Amino acid sequence: MRYIKSQMKQLVREDVRLQQKLKQLMEEHDLEKGYALKALYHAEVADSGKYMEAYRELDDLK
């Protein structure tokens, strides 16, 4: 599975918890949104992460 920015944005839009984590990453590490999204992907989606199935479902819809 690979990182797709538009899918990750959609996943974050649909989940309040991910929105909070994204905001926290941006503030704690002084990251721009694009970099924080990618970091969130690797932390929560990639490699059997908690949100991997939700991310895959978005991929299947396309």
C-alpha atoms as a PDB file:
ATOM      1  CA  MET A   1       0.000   0.000   0.000  1.00  0.00           C
ATOM      2  CA  ARG A   2       1.308   3.426  -0.846  1.00  0.00           C
ATOM      3  CA  TYR A   3       0.743   6.932   0.441  1.00  0.00           C
ATOM      4  CA  ILE A   4      -1.748   9.023  -1.517  1.00  0.00           C
ATOM      5  CA  LYS A   5      -2.130  12.543  -0.186  1.00  0.00           C
ATOM      6  CA  SER A   6      -5.754  13.025  -1.300  1.00  0.00           C
ATOM      7  CA  GLN A   7      -6.821   9.768   0.354  1.00  0.00           C
ATOM      8  CA  MET A   8      -5.046  10.663   3.558  1.00  0.00           C
ATOM      9  CA  LYS A   9      -6.718  14.079   3.604  1.00  0.00           C
ATOM     10  CA  GLN A  10     -10.111  12.424   3.174  1.00  0.00           C
ATOM     11  CA  LEU A  11      -9.400   9.913   5.945  1.00  0.00           C
ATOM     12  CA  VAL A  12      -8.435  12.735   8.317  1.00  0.00           C
ATOM     13  CA  ARG A  13     -11.535  14.750   7.372  1.00  0.00           C
ATOM     14  CA  GLU A  14     -13.741  11.796   8.315  1.00  0.00           C
ATOM     15  CA  ASP A  15     -12.143  11.065  11.697  1.00  0.00           C
ATOM     16  CA  VAL A  16     -12.018  13.548  14.568  1.00  0.00           C
ATOM     17  CA  ARG A  17      -9.288  11.613  16.358  1.00  0.00           C
ATOM     18  CA  LEU A  18      -7.004  11.785  13.327  1.00  0.00           C
ATOM     19  CA  GLN A  19      -7.706  15.515  13.025  1.00  0.00           C
ATOM     20  CA  GLN A  20      -6.510  15.971  16.595  1.00  0.00           C
ATOM     21  CA  LYS A  21      -3.399  13.856  16.007  1.00  0.00           C
ATOM     22  CA  LEU A  22      -2.579  15.817  12.851  1.00  0.00           C
ATOM     23  CA  LYS A  23      -2.893  19.113  14.690  1.00  0.00           C
ATOM     24  CA  GLN A  24      -0.756  17.780  17.535  1.00  0.00           C
ATOM     25  CA  LEU A  25       1.970  16.610  15.125  1.00  0.00           C
ATOM     26  CA  MET A  26       2.011  19.979  13.398  1.00  0.00           C
ATOM     27  CA  GLU A  27       2.348  21.864  16.679  1.00  0.00           C
ATOM     28  CA  GLU A  28       4.813  19.566  18.458  1.00  0.00           C
ATOM     29  CA  HIS A  29       7.218  19.175  15.567  1.00  0.00           C
ATOM     30  CA  ASP A  30       6.542  22.455  13.771  1.00  0.00           C
ATOM     31  CA  LEU A  31       5.589  20.632  10.570  1.00  0.00           C
ATOM     32  CA  GLU A  32       3.707  21.842   7.537  1.00  0.00           C
ATOM     33  CA  LYS A  33       0.429  20.041   6.916  1.00  0.00           C
ATOM     34  CA  GLY A  34       1.765  17.946   4.017  1.00  0.00           C
ATOM     35  CA  TYR A  35       4.645  16.571   6.063  1.00  0.00           C
ATOM     36  CA  ALA A  36       2.424  15.993   9.090  1.00  0.00           C
ATOM     37  CA  LEU A  37      -0.047  14.046   6.913  1.00  0.00           C
ATOM     38  CA  LYS A  38       2.731  11.793   5.701  1.00  0.00           C
ATOM     39  CA  ALA A  39       4.013  11.242   9.237  1.00  0.00           C
ATOM     40  CA  LEU A  40       0.480  10.433  10.383  1.00  0.00           C
ATOM     41  CA  TYR A  41       0.132   7.955   7.530  1.00  0.00           C
ATOM     42  CA  HIS A  42       3.266   6.110   8.600  1.00  0.00           C
ATOM     43  CA  ALA A  43       2.251   6.164  12.264  1.00  0.00           C
ATOM     44  CA  GLU A  44      -1.421   5.198  11.970  1.00  0.00           C
ATOM     45  CA  VAL A  45      -2.018   3.568   8.566  1.00  0.00           C
ATOM     46  CA  ALA A  46       1.052   1.854   7.107  1.00  0.00           C
ATOM     47  CA  ASP A  47       2.267  -1.547   8.285  1.00  0.00           C
ATOM     48  CA  SER A  48      -1.019  -2.822   9.755  1.00  0.00           C
ATOM     49  CA  GLY A  49      -1.822   0.410  11.551  1.00  0.00           C
ATOM     50  CA  LYS A  50      -5.098   1.117  13.280  1.00  0.00           C
ATOM     51  CA  TYR A  51      -6.578   2.972  10.284  1.00  0.00           C
ATOM     52  CA  MET A  52      -5.267   0.688   7.533  1.00  0.00           C
ATOM     53  CA  GLU A  53      -8.670  -0.831   6.722  1.00  0.00           C
ATOM     54  CA  ALA A  54     -10.372   2.552   6.486  1.00  0.00           C
ATOM     55  CA  TYR A  55      -7.603   3.741   4.167  1.00  0.00           C
ATOM     56  CA  ARG A  56      -7.961   0.629   2.006  1.00  0.00           C
ATOM     57  CA  GLU A  57     -11.706   1.166   1.726  1.00  0.00           C
ATOM     58  CA  LEU A  58     -11.046   4.636   0.311  1.00  0.00           C
ATOM     59  CA  ASP A  59      -8.679   3.063  -2.200  1.00  0.00           C
ATOM     60  CA  ASP A  60     -11.327   0.517  -3.228  1.00  0.00           C
ATOM     61  CA  LEU A  61     -13.875   3.272  -3.862  1.00  0.00           C
ATOM     62  CA  LYS A  62     -11.657   4.773  -6.571  1.00  0.00           C
END
